[in-house]
Amino acid sequence: MSLKKLFIAFTLFFAMLGVSGTTFAKEAKKPVTEILKEVDAKIQAALDAIPSGDSKNVAELIKAANENAAELSANYKFEFERTKVMQKLKTARDAAKKSDFTTVEQELKAAREGFAGLKNFL
């Protein structure tokens, strides 16, 4: 292989590294406090939807809050506590599917308090 071909190969290799690093970079994560505010807003929306008696709508709102809460990540203790609070959302969603709105309200309020308490683990 000639020196010229070797030079071209290395030049292309490093050019591709420079382009692919910025092109395929993951989008920046949101701050944990911002995600906590979004989760709180979605839980409040689910609480506000309870009087309507539409179990499907309440379950979907709880699912959206749960999916948003899955983005939360900080450290081991934070994630351990987050998992426990997310279990309350799962219980509330299961109760919503059964139209047990008193349990849904209790579990959502407990989850809301639990997410507020997660700020202590940051």
C-alpha atoms as a PDB file:
ATOM      1  CA  MET A   1       0.000   0.000   0.000  1.00  0.00           C
ATOM      2  CA  SER A   2       1.430   3.298  -0.964  1.00  0.00           C
ATOM      3  CA  LEU A   3       1.980   6.152   1.420  1.00  0.00           C
ATOM      4  CA  LYS A   4      -0.621   8.242  -0.417  1.00  0.00           C
ATOM      5  CA  LYS A   5      -3.358   5.589   0.013  1.00  0.00           C
ATOM      6  CA  LEU A   6      -2.457   5.162   3.678  1.00  0.00           C
ATOM      7  CA  PHE A   7      -2.701   8.922   4.222  1.00  0.00           C
ATOM      8  CA  ILE A   8      -6.112   9.056   2.512  1.00  0.00           C
ATOM      9  CA  ALA A   9      -7.379   6.111   4.577  1.00  0.00           C
ATOM     10  CA  PHE A  10      -6.361   7.765   7.858  1.00  0.00           C
ATOM     11  CA  THR A  11      -7.806  11.103   6.786  1.00  0.00           C
ATOM     12  CA  LEU A  12     -11.163   9.522   5.936  1.00  0.00           C
ATOM     13  CA  PHE A  13     -11.150   7.529   9.170  1.00  0.00           C
ATOM     14  CA  PHE A  14     -10.633  10.589  11.376  1.00  0.00           C
ATOM     15  CA  ALA A  15     -13.076  12.654   9.331  1.00  0.00           C
ATOM     16  CA  MET A  16     -15.767  10.021   9.903  1.00  0.00           C
ATOM     17  CA  LEU A  17     -15.031   9.975  13.624  1.00  0.00           C
ATOM     18  CA  GLY A  18     -15.478  13.732  13.816  1.00  0.00           C
ATOM     19  CA  VAL A  19     -18.749  13.686  11.916  1.00  0.00           C
ATOM     20  CA  SER A  20     -20.305  10.655  13.566  1.00  0.00           C
ATOM     21  CA  GLY A  21     -19.644  11.885  17.097  1.00  0.00           C
ATOM     22  CA  THR A  22     -21.804  14.942  16.637  1.00  0.00           C
ATOM     23  CA  THR A  23     -24.293  13.368  14.291  1.00  0.00           C
ATOM     24  CA  PHE A  24     -25.198  10.388  16.435  1.00  0.00           C
ATOM     25  CA  ALA A  25     -24.912  12.017  19.842  1.00  0.00           C
ATOM     26  CA  LYS A  26     -27.840  11.401  22.159  1.00  0.00           C
ATOM     27  CA  GLU A  27     -30.035  14.308  22.998  1.00  0.00           C
ATOM     28  CA  ALA A  28     -29.306  15.890  26.356  1.00  0.00           C
ATOM     29  CA  LYS A  29     -31.266  14.596  29.315  1.00  0.00           C
ATOM     30  CA  LYS A  30     -33.688  16.846  31.121  1.00  0.00           C
ATOM     31  CA  PRO A  31     -32.803  17.844  34.665  1.00  0.00           C
ATOM     32  CA  VAL A  32     -34.298  15.620  37.357  1.00  0.00           C
ATOM     33  CA  THR A  33     -36.200  18.498  38.962  1.00  0.00           C
ATOM     34  CA  GLU A  34     -37.893  19.305  35.646  1.00  0.00           C
ATOM     35  CA  ILE A  35     -38.982  15.686  35.174  1.00  0.00           C
ATOM     36  CA  LEU A  36     -40.306  15.623  38.757  1.00  0.00           C
ATOM     37  CA  LYS A  37     -42.421  18.696  37.981  1.00  0.00           C
ATOM     38  CA  GLU A  38     -43.790  17.023  34.837  1.00  0.00           C
ATOM     39  CA  VAL A  39     -44.634  13.842  36.749  1.00  0.00           C
ATOM     40  CA  ASP A  40     -46.367  15.892  39.451  1.00  0.00           C
ATOM     41  CA  ALA A  41     -48.408  17.712  36.808  1.00  0.00           C
ATOM     42  CA  LYS A  42     -49.470  14.415  35.218  1.00  0.00           C
ATOM     43  CA  ILE A  43     -50.446  12.961  38.591  1.00  0.00           C
ATOM     44  CA  GLN A  44     -52.502  16.088  39.272  1.00  0.00           C
ATOM     45  CA  ALA A  45     -54.187  15.684  35.882  1.00  0.00           C
ATOM     46  CA  ALA A  46     -55.082  12.098  36.803  1.00  0.00           C
ATOM     47  CA  LEU A  47     -56.443  13.251  40.176  1.00  0.00           C
ATOM     48  CA  ASP A  48     -58.534  15.897  38.413  1.00  0.00           C
ATOM     49  CA  ALA A  49     -59.913  13.268  36.014  1.00  0.00           C
ATOM     50  CA  ILE A  50     -61.163  10.969  38.793  1.00  0.00           C
ATOM     51  CA  PRO A  51     -64.525  12.759  39.319  1.00  0.00           C
ATOM     52  CA  SER A  52     -65.405  12.185  35.660  1.00  0.00           C
ATOM     53  CA  GLY A  53     -65.545   8.432  36.329  1.00  0.00           C
ATOM     54  CA  ASP A  54     -63.787   7.557  33.061  1.00  0.00           C
ATOM     55  CA  SER A  55     -61.533   4.702  34.155  1.00  0.00           C
ATOM     56  CA  LYS A  56     -59.821   4.383  30.773  1.00  0.00           C
ATOM     57  CA  ASN A  57     -58.821   8.058  30.716  1.00  0.00           C
ATOM     58  CA  VAL A  58     -57.535   7.941  34.307  1.00  0.00           C
ATOM     59  CA  ALA A  59     -55.509   4.799  33.556  1.00  0.00           C
ATOM     60  CA  GLU A  60     -53.951   6.458  30.499  1.00  0.00           C
ATOM     61  CA  LEU A  61     -53.007   9.546  32.506  1.00  0.00           C
ATOM     62  CA  ILE A  62     -51.402   7.370  35.166  1.00  0.00           C
ATOM     63  CA  LYS A  63     -49.543   5.446  32.459  1.00  0.00           C
ATOM     64  CA  ALA A  64     -48.182   8.731  31.055  1.00  0.00           C
ATOM     65  CA  ALA A  65     -46.968   9.754  34.515  1.00  0.00           C
ATOM     66  CA  ASN A  66     -45.340   6.361  34.985  1.00  0.00           C
ATOM     67  CA  GLU A  67     -43.554   6.545  31.623  1.00  0.00           C
ATOM     68  CA  ASN A  68     -42.296  10.019  32.427  1.00  0.00           C
ATOM     69  CA  ALA A  69     -41.100   8.864  35.854  1.00  0.00           C
ATOM     70  CA  ALA A  70     -39.077   6.097  34.191  1.00  0.00           C
ATOM     71  CA  GLU A  71     -36.782   8.815  32.788  1.00  0.00           C
ATOM     72  CA  LEU A  72     -35.675   9.758  36.307  1.00  0.00           C
ATOM     73  CA  SER A  73     -32.155   8.690  37.123  1.00  0.00           C
ATOM     74  CA  ALA A  74     -29.641  10.008  39.631  1.00  0.00           C
ATOM     75  CA  ASN A  75     -27.994   7.434  41.899  1.00  0.00           C
ATOM     76  CA  TYR A  76     -28.630   3.996  43.365  1.00  0.00           C
ATOM     77  CA  LYS A  77     -30.634   5.127  46.402  1.00  0.00           C
ATOM     78  CA  PHE A  78     -32.672   7.548  44.274  1.00  0.00           C
ATOM     79  CA  GLU A  79     -33.552   4.824  41.776  1.00  0.00           C
ATOM     80  CA  PHE A  80     -34.433   2.392  44.572  1.00  0.00           C
ATOM     81  CA  GLU A  81     -36.871   4.893  46.086  1.00  0.00           C
ATOM     82  CA  ARG A  82     -38.193   5.839  42.629  1.00  0.00           C
ATOM     83  CA  THR A  83     -39.039   2.197  41.953  1.00  0.00           C
ATOM     84  CA  LYS A  84     -41.017   1.996  45.195  1.00  0.00           C
ATOM     85  CA  VAL A  85     -42.989   5.120  44.305  1.00  0.00           C
ATOM     86  CA  MET A  86     -43.579   3.889  40.751  1.00  0.00           C
ATOM     87  CA  GLN A  87     -45.138   0.759  42.277  1.00  0.00           C
ATOM     88  CA  LYS A  88     -47.792   3.022  43.802  1.00  0.00           C
ATOM     89  CA  LEU A  89     -48.559   4.347  40.317  1.00  0.00           C
ATOM     90  CA  LYS A  90     -48.888   0.783  39.055  1.00  0.00           C
ATOM     91  CA  THR A  91     -51.285  -0.049  41.888  1.00  0.00           C
ATOM     92  CA  ALA A  92     -53.306   3.073  41.093  1.00  0.00           C
ATOM     93  CA  ARG A  93     -53.463   2.156  37.412  1.00  0.00           C
ATOM     94  CA  ASP A  94     -54.651  -1.365  38.198  1.00  0.00           C
ATOM     95  CA  ALA A  95     -57.327   0.079  40.506  1.00  0.00           C
ATOM     96  CA  ALA A  96     -58.369   2.539  37.787  1.00  0.00           C
ATOM     97  CA  LYS A  97     -58.893  -0.321  35.369  1.00  0.00           C
ATOM     98  CA  LYS A  98     -61.234  -1.873  37.954  1.00  0.00           C
ATOM     99  CA  SER A  99     -62.988   1.512  38.499  1.00  0.00           C
ATOM    100  CA  ASP A 100     -61.957   1.576  42.188  1.00  0.00           C
ATOM    101  CA  PHE A 101     -61.503   5.343  42.340  1.00  0.00           C
ATOM    102  CA  THR A 102     -61.043   5.612  46.120  1.00  0.00           C
ATOM    103  CA  THR A 103     -57.962   3.398  45.918  1.00  0.00           C
ATOM    104  CA  VAL A 104     -56.783   5.312  42.861  1.00  0.00           C
ATOM    105  CA  GLU A 105     -57.012   8.607  44.720  1.00  0.00           C
ATOM    106  CA  GLN A 106     -55.184   7.248  47.788  1.00  0.00           C
ATOM    107  CA  GLU A 107     -52.392   5.700  45.737  1.00  0.00           C
ATOM    108  CA  LEU A 108     -51.963   8.799  43.546  1.00  0.00           C
ATOM    109  CA  LYS A 109     -51.699  11.038  46.601  1.00  0.00           C
ATOM    110  CA  ALA A 110     -49.146   8.671  48.141  1.00  0.00           C
ATOM    111  CA  ALA A 111     -47.194   8.606  44.862  1.00  0.00           C
ATOM    112  CA  ARG A 112     -47.277  12.386  44.656  1.00  0.00           C
ATOM    113  CA  GLU A 113     -45.825  12.647  48.160  1.00  0.00           C
ATOM    114  CA  GLY A 114     -43.258   9.986  47.298  1.00  0.00           C
ATOM    115  CA  PHE A 115     -42.089  11.849  44.190  1.00  0.00           C
ATOM    116  CA  ALA A 116     -41.848  15.063  46.233  1.00  0.00           C
ATOM    117  CA  GLY A 117     -39.693  13.168  48.723  1.00  0.00           C
ATOM    118  CA  LEU A 118     -37.314  11.996  46.005  1.00  0.00           C
ATOM    119  CA  LYS A 119     -35.692  15.442  45.989  1.00  0.00           C
ATOM    120  CA  ASN A 120     -34.002  14.439  49.272  1.00  0.00           C
ATOM    121  CA  PHE A 121     -32.037  11.712  47.490  1.00  0.00           C
ATOM    122  CA  LEU A 122     -30.411  13.935  44.845  1.00  0.00           C
END
